[in-house]
Amino acid sequence: MSLGTAAAAGRGFWGPVVILGKFVSAAAAGILLGLIVTWFVIERKKGFGAIEAGPWTSWSRIGTPDVDPYSRAILAYFSETALSESEGTSFVAYGDKSGVEFDPACDYLMKGEVPLARYWTLTLFSPEGAPVANRAGRQSFTSGEVLRESNGQIEIAISRHARPGNWLPLGEASRFVLVLRLYDSELSAPSGMIDAKKMPMFVKGHCE
């Protein structure tokens, strides 16, 4: 076999190998990118159809049969059970009114009105979905027990230190989120029509 013939045969052999290598590399890059996007969506709890109202986030289809796969993954990862569309709507707050993530070394005041509902709960969780442990043994308030201002609005202090009135103690939490659940409410996340002015806001206070 001449040198030219051998070179041509080599090119004929390596051509498909190079093409296959490029295909495998592209597929691997696509899979890696998909995993990164999925991790970001799940870790940040930003499934498709997320609806934001001030500091609160809800998901338009998470309590319906046609919930998207990312929202299903969020529920499974954080061991959460979604309210059905007929039961109510859940909202999660990760930070104050300026969009900065909650800092457990700081005091916060949740104030304003809660959308009209037959019943509602406000619960203090870790980002992983576990109730925040504290010596007072209180992780939540309900609409039936919360103290209200004379104008009907509510104020709930979130702090490591005892506060008069409505107080949710942070204990030794390193991070936390707040979950507001509305039962039999006229406010519907699936409609996509949520006015931030109808949701309570957070005011950041003293920090240690």
N, C-alpha and C. Protein backbone atom coordinates (compact mmCIF):
# COMPACT_ATOMS: atom_id res chain seq x y z
N MET A 1 0.86 -1.19 0.00
CA MET A 1 0.00 0.00 0.00
C MET A 1 0.89 1.23 0.00
N SER A 2 0.59 2.15 -0.91
CA SER A 2 1.40 3.37 -0.98
C SER A 2 1.08 4.28 0.19
N LEU A 3 1.96 5.25 0.42
CA LEU A 3 1.77 6.20 1.51
C LEU A 3 0.50 7.02 1.31
N GLY A 4 0.22 7.40 0.08
CA GLY A 4 -0.99 8.18 -0.22
C GLY A 4 -2.25 7.40 0.07
N THR A 5 -2.20 6.11 -0.31
CA THR A 5 -3.37 5.26 -0.06
C THR A 5 -3.62 5.09 1.43
N ALA A 6 -2.52 4.90 2.20
CA ALA A 6 -2.65 4.74 3.65
C ALA A 6 -3.21 6.00 4.29
N ALA A 7 -2.75 7.17 3.82
CA ALA A 7 -3.24 8.43 4.38
C ALA A 7 -4.73 8.61 4.10
N ALA A 8 -5.14 8.25 2.89
CA ALA A 8 -6.55 8.36 2.53
C ALA A 8 -7.40 7.44 3.38
N ALA A 9 -6.89 6.22 3.63
CA ALA A 9 -7.63 5.26 4.46
C ALA A 9 -7.75 5.78 5.88
N GLY A 10 -6.66 6.42 6.38
CA GLY A 10 -6.71 6.98 7.74
C GLY A 10 -7.75 8.06 7.86
N ARG A 11 -7.78 8.94 6.84
CA ARG A 11 -8.78 10.00 6.87
C ARG A 11 -10.20 9.42 6.82
N GLY A 12 -10.36 8.37 6.05
CA GLY A 12 -11.67 7.74 5.96
C GLY A 12 -12.10 7.12 7.27
N PHE A 13 -11.15 6.64 8.06
CA PHE A 13 -11.48 6.01 9.35
C PHE A 13 -11.79 7.06 10.41
N TRP A 14 -10.94 8.12 10.47
CA TRP A 14 -11.08 9.11 11.53
C TRP A 14 -12.21 10.10 11.30
N GLY A 15 -12.68 10.24 10.08
CA GLY A 15 -13.77 11.18 9.81
C GLY A 15 -15.02 10.88 10.64
N PRO A 16 -15.56 9.64 10.56
CA PRO A 16 -16.75 9.32 11.37
C PRO A 16 -16.48 9.40 12.87
N VAL A 17 -15.24 9.06 13.29
CA VAL A 17 -14.91 9.13 14.72
C VAL A 17 -14.98 10.56 15.22
N VAL A 18 -14.44 11.49 14.41
CA VAL A 18 -14.48 12.91 14.80
C VAL A 18 -15.92 13.40 14.88
N ILE A 19 -16.73 13.01 13.91
CA ILE A 19 -18.15 13.42 13.91
C ILE A 19 -18.86 12.85 15.14
N LEU A 20 -18.60 11.57 15.44
CA LEU A 20 -19.21 10.94 16.61
C LEU A 20 -18.76 11.65 17.90
N GLY A 21 -17.46 12.01 17.95
CA GLY A 21 -16.94 12.70 19.12
C GLY A 21 -17.62 14.04 19.33
N LYS A 22 -17.84 14.78 18.24
CA LYS A 22 -18.53 16.06 18.34
C LYS A 22 -19.97 15.88 18.80
N PHE A 23 -20.62 14.84 18.28
CA PHE A 23 -22.00 14.57 18.67
C PHE A 23 -22.09 14.24 20.15
N VAL A 24 -21.18 13.39 20.64
CA VAL A 24 -21.18 13.01 22.05
C VAL A 24 -20.89 14.23 22.93
N SER A 25 -19.95 15.07 22.51
CA SER A 25 -19.61 16.27 23.28
C SER A 25 -20.81 17.22 23.37
N ALA A 26 -21.50 17.39 22.23
CA ALA A 26 -22.67 18.28 22.22
C ALA A 26 -23.77 17.73 23.12
N ALA A 27 -23.99 16.40 23.06
CA ALA A 27 -25.01 15.77 23.89
C ALA A 27 -24.67 15.92 25.37
N ALA A 28 -23.39 15.71 25.72
CA ALA A 28 -22.96 15.83 27.11
C ALA A 28 -23.13 17.26 27.61
N ALA A 29 -22.78 18.24 26.74
CA ALA A 29 -22.94 19.64 27.12
C ALA A 29 -24.41 19.98 27.34
N GLY A 30 -25.29 19.44 26.48
CA GLY A 30 -26.72 19.67 26.62
C GLY A 30 -27.27 19.08 27.91
N ILE A 31 -26.83 17.86 28.23
CA ILE A 31 -27.29 17.21 29.47
C ILE A 31 -26.81 17.99 30.69
N LEU A 32 -25.54 18.42 30.66
CA LEU A 32 -24.99 19.19 31.78
C LEU A 32 -25.74 20.50 31.97
N LEU A 33 -26.01 21.19 30.86
CA LEU A 33 -26.76 22.45 30.93
C LEU A 33 -28.16 22.21 31.49
N GLY A 34 -28.80 21.12 31.04
CA GLY A 34 -30.13 20.78 31.54
C GLY A 34 -30.14 20.51 33.04
N LEU A 35 -29.11 19.80 33.52
CA LEU A 35 -29.01 19.50 34.95
C LEU A 35 -28.80 20.78 35.76
N ILE A 36 -27.96 21.68 35.23
CA ILE A 36 -27.71 22.94 35.94
C ILE A 36 -28.99 23.77 36.03
N VAL A 37 -29.72 23.87 34.92
CA VAL A 37 -30.98 24.63 34.92
C VAL A 37 -31.98 24.00 35.87
N THR A 38 -32.08 22.67 35.85
CA THR A 38 -33.02 21.98 36.74
C THR A 38 -32.65 22.22 38.20
N TRP A 39 -31.35 22.11 38.52
CA TRP A 39 -30.92 22.36 39.90
C TRP A 39 -31.26 23.78 40.32
N PHE A 40 -31.02 24.76 39.44
CA PHE A 40 -31.28 26.15 39.78
C PHE A 40 -32.77 26.37 40.02
N VAL A 41 -33.60 25.81 39.15
CA VAL A 41 -35.05 25.97 39.29
C VAL A 41 -35.54 25.37 40.59
N ILE A 42 -35.07 24.15 40.92
CA ILE A 42 -35.52 23.47 42.12
C ILE A 42 -34.99 24.16 43.37
N GLU A 43 -33.69 24.47 43.38
CA GLU A 43 -33.09 25.09 44.56
C GLU A 43 -33.70 26.45 44.86
N ARG A 44 -34.02 27.20 43.81
CA ARG A 44 -34.60 28.52 43.98
C ARG A 44 -36.12 28.50 44.04
N LYS A 45 -36.70 27.32 43.87
CA LYS A 45 -38.15 27.17 43.87
C LYS A 45 -38.80 28.11 42.84
N LYS A 46 -38.22 28.16 41.67
CA LYS A 46 -38.74 29.01 40.61
C LYS A 46 -39.26 28.17 39.46
N GLY A 47 -40.31 27.39 39.73
CA GLY A 47 -40.90 26.58 38.67
C GLY A 47 -41.56 27.46 37.63
N PHE A 48 -41.84 26.88 36.48
CA PHE A 48 -42.51 27.64 35.44
C PHE A 48 -43.89 28.07 35.93
N GLY A 49 -44.30 29.25 35.53
CA GLY A 49 -45.60 29.76 35.95
C GLY A 49 -45.56 30.44 37.29
N ALA A 50 -44.37 30.74 37.81
CA ALA A 50 -44.27 31.42 39.10
C ALA A 50 -44.90 32.80 38.99
N ILE A 51 -45.69 33.16 40.00
CA ILE A 51 -46.34 34.45 40.05
C ILE A 51 -45.82 35.19 41.27
N GLU A 52 -45.35 36.42 41.07
CA GLU A 52 -44.79 37.20 42.16
C GLU A 52 -45.69 38.38 42.49
N ALA A 53 -45.89 38.59 43.80
CA ALA A 53 -46.68 39.71 44.29
C ALA A 53 -45.91 40.32 45.45
N GLY A 54 -45.14 41.37 45.16
CA GLY A 54 -44.28 41.93 46.19
C GLY A 54 -43.23 40.90 46.58
N PRO A 55 -43.07 40.63 47.88
CA PRO A 55 -42.07 39.65 48.32
C PRO A 55 -42.55 38.21 48.22
N TRP A 56 -43.78 38.00 47.80
CA TRP A 56 -44.39 36.67 47.80
C TRP A 56 -44.34 36.03 46.41
N THR A 57 -44.18 34.71 46.40
CA THR A 57 -44.18 33.94 45.15
C THR A 57 -45.16 32.79 45.27
N SER A 58 -45.94 32.58 44.21
CA SER A 58 -46.83 31.42 44.14
C SER A 58 -46.68 30.81 42.76
N TRP A 59 -47.30 29.66 42.54
CA TRP A 59 -47.20 28.96 41.26
C TRP A 59 -48.59 28.70 40.73
N SER A 60 -48.80 29.09 39.48
CA SER A 60 -50.15 29.12 38.92
C SER A 60 -50.79 27.74 38.79
N ARG A 61 -49.99 26.67 38.57
CA ARG A 61 -50.60 25.37 38.28
C ARG A 61 -50.15 24.29 39.27
N ILE A 62 -49.52 24.67 40.39
CA ILE A 62 -48.92 23.66 41.25
C ILE A 62 -49.97 22.80 41.97
N GLY A 63 -51.17 23.29 42.10
CA GLY A 63 -52.21 22.50 42.76
C GLY A 63 -53.20 21.89 41.79
N THR A 64 -52.83 21.81 40.51
CA THR A 64 -53.72 21.30 39.48
C THR A 64 -53.14 20.04 38.85
N PRO A 65 -53.96 19.25 38.17
CA PRO A 65 -53.46 18.01 37.55
C PRO A 65 -52.38 18.24 36.50
N ASP A 66 -52.37 19.40 35.83
CA ASP A 66 -51.39 19.64 34.77
C ASP A 66 -50.19 20.45 35.26
N VAL A 67 -49.81 20.23 36.53
CA VAL A 67 -48.64 20.91 37.08
C VAL A 67 -47.40 20.52 36.27
N ASP A 68 -46.48 21.48 36.07
CA ASP A 68 -45.30 21.21 35.24
C ASP A 68 -44.30 20.33 35.99
N PRO A 69 -43.41 19.63 35.27
CA PRO A 69 -42.45 18.71 35.91
C PRO A 69 -41.52 19.39 36.90
N TYR A 70 -41.14 20.63 36.63
CA TYR A 70 -40.24 21.33 37.56
C TYR A 70 -40.93 21.58 38.90
N SER A 71 -42.21 21.97 38.86
CA SER A 71 -42.94 22.19 40.10
C SER A 71 -43.12 20.89 40.87
N ARG A 72 -43.35 19.79 40.14
CA ARG A 72 -43.43 18.48 40.81
C ARG A 72 -42.11 18.16 41.50
N ALA A 73 -41.00 18.46 40.82
CA ALA A 73 -39.68 18.19 41.40
C ALA A 73 -39.44 19.03 42.64
N ILE A 74 -39.91 20.28 42.61
CA ILE A 74 -39.77 21.15 43.78
C ILE A 74 -40.52 20.55 44.97
N LEU A 75 -41.73 20.10 44.75
CA LEU A 75 -42.52 19.50 45.83
C LEU A 75 -41.84 18.26 46.39
N ALA A 76 -41.32 17.41 45.51
CA ALA A 76 -40.67 16.18 45.95
C ALA A 76 -39.37 16.48 46.70
N TYR A 77 -38.58 17.42 46.18
CA TYR A 77 -37.28 17.74 46.78
C TYR A 77 -37.44 18.30 48.18
N PHE A 78 -38.46 19.15 48.37
CA PHE A 78 -38.65 19.79 49.67
C PHE A 78 -39.71 19.09 50.51
N SER A 79 -40.18 17.91 50.08
CA SER A 79 -41.15 17.10 50.84
C SER A 79 -42.39 17.92 51.18
N GLU A 80 -42.91 18.65 50.22
CA GLU A 80 -44.07 19.48 50.43
C GLU A 80 -45.30 18.86 49.77
N THR A 81 -46.46 19.21 50.33
CA THR A 81 -47.73 18.81 49.75
C THR A 81 -48.47 20.06 49.31
N ALA A 82 -48.81 20.13 48.05
CA ALA A 82 -49.46 21.33 47.54
C ALA A 82 -50.95 21.32 47.86
N LEU A 83 -51.50 22.53 48.07
CA LEU A 83 -52.94 22.65 48.20
C LEU A 83 -53.56 22.46 46.82
N SER A 84 -54.69 21.78 46.78
CA SER A 84 -55.37 21.65 45.50
C SER A 84 -55.98 23.00 45.14
N GLU A 85 -56.30 23.16 43.86
CA GLU A 85 -56.83 24.43 43.39
C GLU A 85 -58.11 24.80 44.12
N SER A 86 -58.91 23.79 44.53
CA SER A 86 -60.17 24.06 45.22
C SER A 86 -59.97 24.39 46.70
N GLU A 87 -58.83 23.97 47.26
CA GLU A 87 -58.58 24.21 48.69
C GLU A 87 -58.06 25.62 48.96
N GLY A 88 -57.12 26.07 48.18
CA GLY A 88 -56.55 27.37 48.45
C GLY A 88 -55.27 27.60 47.69
N THR A 89 -54.51 28.59 48.18
CA THR A 89 -53.30 29.02 47.51
C THR A 89 -52.18 29.21 48.51
N SER A 90 -50.96 28.81 48.13
CA SER A 90 -49.80 28.99 49.00
C SER A 90 -48.87 30.04 48.40
N PHE A 91 -48.29 30.85 49.27
CA PHE A 91 -47.31 31.86 48.88
C PHE A 91 -46.07 31.70 49.75
N VAL A 92 -44.91 31.93 49.15
CA VAL A 92 -43.65 31.82 49.88
C VAL A 92 -42.92 33.15 49.78
N ALA A 93 -42.37 33.62 50.91
CA ALA A 93 -41.55 34.83 50.93
C ALA A 93 -40.14 34.43 51.32
N TYR A 94 -39.17 34.85 50.49
CA TYR A 94 -37.76 34.54 50.73
C TYR A 94 -36.98 35.74 51.25
N GLY A 95 -37.59 36.94 51.18
CA GLY A 95 -36.88 38.13 51.59
C GLY A 95 -37.81 39.29 51.85
N ASP A 96 -37.24 40.44 52.18
CA ASP A 96 -38.04 41.61 52.53
C ASP A 96 -38.52 42.35 51.29
N LYS A 97 -39.11 43.52 51.50
CA LYS A 97 -39.74 44.25 50.39
C LYS A 97 -38.73 44.72 49.36
N SER A 98 -37.44 44.83 49.73
CA SER A 98 -36.41 45.24 48.78
C SER A 98 -35.87 44.08 47.98
N GLY A 99 -36.33 42.85 48.28
CA GLY A 99 -35.88 41.67 47.54
C GLY A 99 -34.65 41.01 48.11
N VAL A 100 -34.14 41.53 49.24
CA VAL A 100 -32.95 40.95 49.87
C VAL A 100 -33.38 39.75 50.73
N GLU A 101 -32.64 38.65 50.61
CA GLU A 101 -32.97 37.44 51.35
C GLU A 101 -33.00 37.70 52.85
N PHE A 102 -33.95 37.06 53.55
CA PHE A 102 -34.07 37.24 54.99
C PHE A 102 -32.74 36.91 55.69
N ASP A 103 -32.38 37.73 56.66
CA ASP A 103 -31.19 37.52 57.47
C ASP A 103 -31.64 37.26 58.90
N PRO A 104 -31.41 36.06 59.46
CA PRO A 104 -31.89 35.75 60.81
C PRO A 104 -31.25 36.60 61.90
N ALA A 105 -30.19 37.33 61.58
CA ALA A 105 -29.59 38.23 62.56
C ALA A 105 -30.34 39.56 62.64
N CYS A 106 -31.34 39.73 61.80
CA CYS A 106 -32.11 40.97 61.76
C CYS A 106 -33.55 40.73 62.22
N ASP A 107 -34.19 41.82 62.65
CA ASP A 107 -35.61 41.79 63.00
C ASP A 107 -36.43 42.18 61.77
N TYR A 108 -37.60 41.57 61.62
CA TYR A 108 -38.51 41.91 60.53
C TYR A 108 -39.91 42.10 61.09
N LEU A 109 -40.66 42.97 60.44
CA LEU A 109 -42.05 43.17 60.80
C LEU A 109 -42.90 42.93 59.56
N MET A 110 -43.76 41.93 59.63
CA MET A 110 -44.72 41.69 58.56
C MET A 110 -45.97 42.48 58.89
N LYS A 111 -46.37 43.34 57.97
CA LYS A 111 -47.50 44.21 58.27
C LYS A 111 -48.36 44.40 57.03
N GLY A 112 -49.62 44.74 57.29
CA GLY A 112 -50.55 44.97 56.19
C GLY A 112 -51.78 44.09 56.32
N GLU A 113 -52.43 43.89 55.22
CA GLU A 113 -53.64 43.07 55.18
C GLU A 113 -53.35 41.73 54.54
N VAL A 114 -54.05 40.71 55.01
CA VAL A 114 -54.00 39.40 54.37
C VAL A 114 -55.24 39.28 53.49
N PRO A 115 -55.09 38.82 52.26
CA PRO A 115 -56.26 38.69 51.38
C PRO A 115 -57.40 37.93 52.05
N LEU A 116 -58.62 38.33 51.74
CA LEU A 116 -59.80 37.73 52.34
C LEU A 116 -59.83 36.23 52.10
N ALA A 117 -59.96 35.46 53.18
CA ALA A 117 -60.02 34.01 53.09
C ALA A 117 -60.79 33.48 54.30
N ARG A 118 -61.35 32.30 54.14
CA ARG A 118 -62.06 31.69 55.27
C ARG A 118 -61.09 31.42 56.42
N TYR A 119 -59.85 31.08 56.07
CA TYR A 119 -58.85 30.74 57.08
C TYR A 119 -57.48 30.88 56.44
N TRP A 120 -56.49 31.33 57.22
CA TRP A 120 -55.13 31.39 56.69
C TRP A 120 -54.13 31.04 57.78
N THR A 121 -52.95 30.61 57.34
CA THR A 121 -51.86 30.30 58.26
C THR A 121 -50.58 30.94 57.74
N LEU A 122 -49.73 31.36 58.66
CA LEU A 122 -48.40 31.88 58.33
C LEU A 122 -47.40 31.03 59.11
N THR A 123 -46.48 30.37 58.40
CA THR A 123 -45.57 29.42 59.04
C THR A 123 -44.14 29.74 58.70
N LEU A 124 -43.27 29.56 59.70
CA LEU A 124 -41.84 29.80 59.58
C LEU A 124 -41.15 28.48 59.27
N PHE A 125 -40.45 28.42 58.12
CA PHE A 125 -39.77 27.20 57.69
C PHE A 125 -38.30 27.49 57.39
N SER A 126 -37.49 26.43 57.41
CA SER A 126 -36.16 26.51 56.82
C SER A 126 -36.35 26.41 55.30
N PRO A 127 -35.35 26.84 54.49
CA PRO A 127 -35.49 26.72 53.03
C PRO A 127 -35.71 25.28 52.57
N GLU A 128 -35.31 24.30 53.40
CA GLU A 128 -35.50 22.89 53.05
C GLU A 128 -36.89 22.39 53.39
N GLY A 129 -37.72 23.23 54.04
CA GLY A 129 -39.10 22.85 54.33
C GLY A 129 -39.35 22.34 55.72
N ALA A 130 -38.38 22.42 56.63
CA ALA A 130 -38.56 21.97 58.01
C ALA A 130 -38.98 23.15 58.89
N PRO A 131 -39.92 22.94 59.83
CA PRO A 131 -40.31 24.02 60.74
C PRO A 131 -39.09 24.50 61.54
N VAL A 132 -39.00 25.80 61.77
CA VAL A 132 -37.87 26.37 62.50
C VAL A 132 -38.04 26.10 63.99
N ALA A 133 -37.06 25.42 64.57
CA ALA A 133 -37.12 25.08 66.00
C ALA A 133 -36.80 26.31 66.84
N ASN A 134 -37.52 26.47 67.96
CA ASN A 134 -37.24 27.54 68.91
C ASN A 134 -37.80 27.15 70.28
N ARG A 135 -37.31 27.79 71.32
CA ARG A 135 -37.69 27.43 72.68
C ARG A 135 -39.17 27.68 72.97
N ALA A 136 -39.74 28.66 72.29
CA ALA A 136 -41.15 28.97 72.50
C ALA A 136 -42.07 27.93 71.87
N GLY A 137 -41.51 27.12 70.96
CA GLY A 137 -42.32 26.09 70.31
C GLY A 137 -43.37 26.67 69.38
N ARG A 138 -43.15 27.86 68.89
CA ARG A 138 -44.11 28.49 67.97
C ARG A 138 -43.46 28.67 66.61
N GLN A 139 -44.11 28.11 65.61
CA GLN A 139 -43.63 28.28 64.23
C GLN A 139 -44.67 28.94 63.33
N SER A 140 -45.87 29.21 63.86
CA SER A 140 -46.91 29.73 62.98
C SER A 140 -47.94 30.55 63.72
N PHE A 141 -48.70 31.30 62.94
CA PHE A 141 -49.90 31.99 63.40
C PHE A 141 -51.03 31.62 62.46
N THR A 142 -52.24 31.66 62.98
CA THR A 142 -53.42 31.43 62.16
C THR A 142 -54.32 32.66 62.24
N SER A 143 -55.24 32.74 61.31
CA SER A 143 -56.16 33.88 61.28
C SER A 143 -57.05 33.91 62.51
N GLY A 144 -57.22 32.77 63.19
CA GLY A 144 -58.09 32.73 64.35
C GLY A 144 -57.43 33.18 65.63
N GLU A 145 -56.11 33.29 65.66
CA GLU A 145 -55.43 33.64 66.91
C GLU A 145 -54.60 34.91 66.83
N VAL A 146 -54.33 35.41 65.65
CA VAL A 146 -53.47 36.58 65.51
C VAL A 146 -54.17 37.82 66.07
N LEU A 147 -53.40 38.68 66.75
CA LEU A 147 -53.92 39.94 67.26
C LEU A 147 -53.91 40.96 66.13
N ARG A 148 -54.98 41.74 66.03
CA ARG A 148 -55.13 42.70 64.94
C ARG A 148 -55.11 44.13 65.46
N GLU A 149 -54.69 45.03 64.56
CA GLU A 149 -54.74 46.45 64.89
C GLU A 149 -56.19 46.93 64.81
N SER A 150 -56.42 48.13 65.31
CA SER A 150 -57.78 48.67 65.32
C SER A 150 -58.35 48.84 63.91
N ASN A 151 -57.47 49.00 62.93
CA ASN A 151 -57.93 49.15 61.54
C ASN A 151 -58.06 47.81 60.82
N GLY A 152 -57.86 46.71 61.55
CA GLY A 152 -58.02 45.39 60.96
C GLY A 152 -56.75 44.81 60.37
N GLN A 153 -55.70 45.63 60.26
CA GLN A 153 -54.45 45.12 59.72
C GLN A 153 -53.70 44.32 60.79
N ILE A 154 -52.69 43.58 60.34
CA ILE A 154 -51.91 42.77 61.26
C ILE A 154 -50.45 43.20 61.25
N GLU A 155 -49.79 42.96 62.36
CA GLU A 155 -48.35 43.15 62.46
C GLU A 155 -47.77 41.96 63.20
N ILE A 156 -46.83 41.27 62.57
CA ILE A 156 -46.19 40.10 63.17
C ILE A 156 -44.69 40.32 63.16
N ALA A 157 -44.08 40.28 64.34
CA ALA A 157 -42.63 40.45 64.45
C ALA A 157 -41.95 39.10 64.24
N ILE A 158 -40.88 39.10 63.45
CA ILE A 158 -40.06 37.90 63.23
C ILE A 158 -38.67 38.25 63.74
N SER A 159 -38.26 37.63 64.84
CA SER A 159 -37.03 38.03 65.49
C SER A 159 -36.53 36.92 66.41
N ARG A 160 -35.23 36.94 66.72
CA ARG A 160 -34.66 36.02 67.69
C ARG A 160 -35.02 36.40 69.12
N HIS A 161 -35.38 37.67 69.28
CA HIS A 161 -35.65 38.18 70.61
C HIS A 161 -37.13 38.43 70.80
N ALA A 162 -37.61 38.22 72.02
CA ALA A 162 -39.04 38.34 72.33
C ALA A 162 -39.56 39.73 72.00
N ARG A 163 -40.75 39.77 71.41
CA ARG A 163 -41.40 41.01 71.07
C ARG A 163 -42.85 40.97 71.56
N PRO A 164 -43.40 42.12 71.95
CA PRO A 164 -44.80 42.13 72.39
C PRO A 164 -45.74 41.87 71.22
N GLY A 165 -46.93 41.39 71.52
CA GLY A 165 -47.90 41.14 70.48
C GLY A 165 -47.61 39.86 69.71
N ASN A 166 -47.81 39.90 68.42
CA ASN A 166 -47.57 38.73 67.57
C ASN A 166 -46.07 38.59 67.32
N TRP A 167 -45.51 37.46 67.71
CA TRP A 167 -44.06 37.25 67.57
C TRP A 167 -43.78 35.83 67.11
N LEU A 168 -43.00 35.72 66.03
CA LEU A 168 -42.50 34.43 65.56
C LEU A 168 -41.01 34.38 65.88
N PRO A 169 -40.60 33.53 66.83
CA PRO A 169 -39.18 33.46 67.21
C PRO A 169 -38.34 32.68 66.20
N LEU A 170 -37.18 33.22 65.87
CA LEU A 170 -36.30 32.60 64.89
C LEU A 170 -35.40 31.53 65.49
N GLY A 171 -35.26 31.50 66.81
CA GLY A 171 -34.37 30.52 67.42
C GLY A 171 -32.95 30.69 66.90
N GLU A 172 -32.32 29.57 66.53
CA GLU A 172 -30.95 29.61 66.02
C GLU A 172 -30.92 29.36 64.51
N ALA A 173 -32.01 29.64 63.84
CA ALA A 173 -32.07 29.41 62.39
C ALA A 173 -30.97 30.17 61.66
N SER A 174 -30.35 29.51 60.70
CA SER A 174 -29.34 30.16 59.88
C SER A 174 -29.95 30.78 58.63
N ARG A 175 -31.09 30.26 58.20
CA ARG A 175 -31.86 30.79 57.08
C ARG A 175 -33.32 30.45 57.32
N PHE A 176 -34.22 31.23 56.73
CA PHE A 176 -35.64 30.93 56.91
C PHE A 176 -36.45 31.52 55.77
N VAL A 177 -37.64 30.97 55.59
CA VAL A 177 -38.63 31.51 54.65
C VAL A 177 -39.96 31.52 55.37
N LEU A 178 -40.92 32.24 54.83
CA LEU A 178 -42.26 32.29 55.40
C LEU A 178 -43.27 31.83 54.37
N VAL A 179 -44.19 30.98 54.79
CA VAL A 179 -45.21 30.43 53.90
C VAL A 179 -46.58 30.88 54.37
N LEU A 180 -47.31 31.53 53.49
CA LEU A 180 -48.66 31.98 53.76
C LEU A 180 -49.63 31.11 52.96
N ARG A 181 -50.54 30.45 53.67
CA ARG A 181 -51.53 29.58 53.01
C ARG A 181 -52.92 30.17 53.21
N LEU A 182 -53.62 30.38 52.11
CA LEU A 182 -54.97 30.92 52.14
C LEU A 182 -55.94 29.81 51.76
N TYR A 183 -56.94 29.58 52.63
CA TYR A 183 -57.93 28.53 52.37
C TYR A 183 -59.27 29.18 52.03
N ASP A 184 -59.89 28.67 50.96
CA ASP A 184 -61.17 29.23 50.48
C ASP A 184 -61.05 30.74 50.32
N SER A 185 -60.09 31.14 49.52
CA SER A 185 -59.85 32.57 49.32
C SER A 185 -60.38 33.02 47.97
N GLU A 186 -60.80 34.28 47.92
CA GLU A 186 -61.22 34.85 46.63
C GLU A 186 -60.02 35.17 45.76
N LEU A 187 -58.82 35.16 46.38
CA LEU A 187 -57.59 35.40 45.64
C LEU A 187 -57.12 34.09 45.05
N SER A 188 -56.90 34.06 43.75
CA SER A 188 -56.54 32.81 43.08
C SER A 188 -55.25 32.98 42.30
N ALA A 189 -54.21 32.24 42.69
CA ALA A 189 -52.96 32.29 41.95
C ALA A 189 -53.11 31.80 40.51
N PRO A 190 -53.90 30.71 40.24
CA PRO A 190 -54.03 30.25 38.86
C PRO A 190 -54.54 31.30 37.90
N SER A 191 -55.28 32.29 38.43
CA SER A 191 -55.77 33.33 37.53
C SER A 191 -54.66 34.24 37.05
N GLY A 192 -53.54 34.24 37.81
CA GLY A 192 -52.42 35.10 37.45
C GLY A 192 -52.66 36.56 37.81
N MET A 193 -53.74 36.86 38.51
CA MET A 193 -54.09 38.23 38.86
C MET A 193 -53.93 38.41 40.36
N ILE A 194 -52.72 38.79 40.80
CA ILE A 194 -52.46 39.02 42.21
C ILE A 194 -51.87 40.42 42.36
N ASP A 195 -52.55 41.25 43.14
CA ASP A 195 -52.10 42.61 43.37
C ASP A 195 -51.19 42.62 44.59
N ALA A 196 -49.94 43.08 44.41
CA ALA A 196 -49.00 43.11 45.52
C ALA A 196 -49.51 43.95 46.68
N LYS A 197 -50.35 44.94 46.40
CA LYS A 197 -50.87 45.81 47.45
C LYS A 197 -51.81 45.06 48.39
N LYS A 198 -52.32 43.91 47.94
CA LYS A 198 -53.22 43.12 48.78
C LYS A 198 -52.48 42.11 49.65
N MET A 199 -51.16 42.06 49.48
CA MET A 199 -50.35 41.11 50.24
C MET A 199 -49.57 41.85 51.33
N PRO A 200 -49.37 41.21 52.48
CA PRO A 200 -48.56 41.83 53.54
C PRO A 200 -47.12 42.02 53.10
N MET A 201 -46.49 43.06 53.64
CA MET A 201 -45.11 43.38 53.29
C MET A 201 -44.20 43.17 54.50
N PHE A 202 -42.89 43.17 54.25
CA PHE A 202 -41.91 43.00 55.32
C PHE A 202 -41.02 44.25 55.44
N VAL A 203 -40.86 44.70 56.65
CA VAL A 203 -39.99 45.84 56.93
C VAL A 203 -38.82 45.34 57.78
N LYS A 204 -37.62 45.59 57.30
CA LYS A 204 -36.41 45.15 57.99
C LYS A 204 -36.09 46.12 59.12
N GLY A 205 -35.78 45.56 60.31
CA GLY A 205 -35.47 46.39 61.45
C GLY A 205 -34.01 46.27 61.87
N HIS A 206 -33.79 46.23 63.18
CA HIS A 206 -32.44 46.19 63.74
C HIS A 206 -31.75 44.87 63.41
N CYS A 207 -30.45 44.93 63.14
CA CYS A 207 -29.64 43.74 62.90
C CYS A 207 -28.55 43.65 63.96
N GLU A 208 -28.24 42.45 64.39
CA GLU A 208 -27.22 42.25 65.41
C GLU A 208 -25.82 42.49 64.83
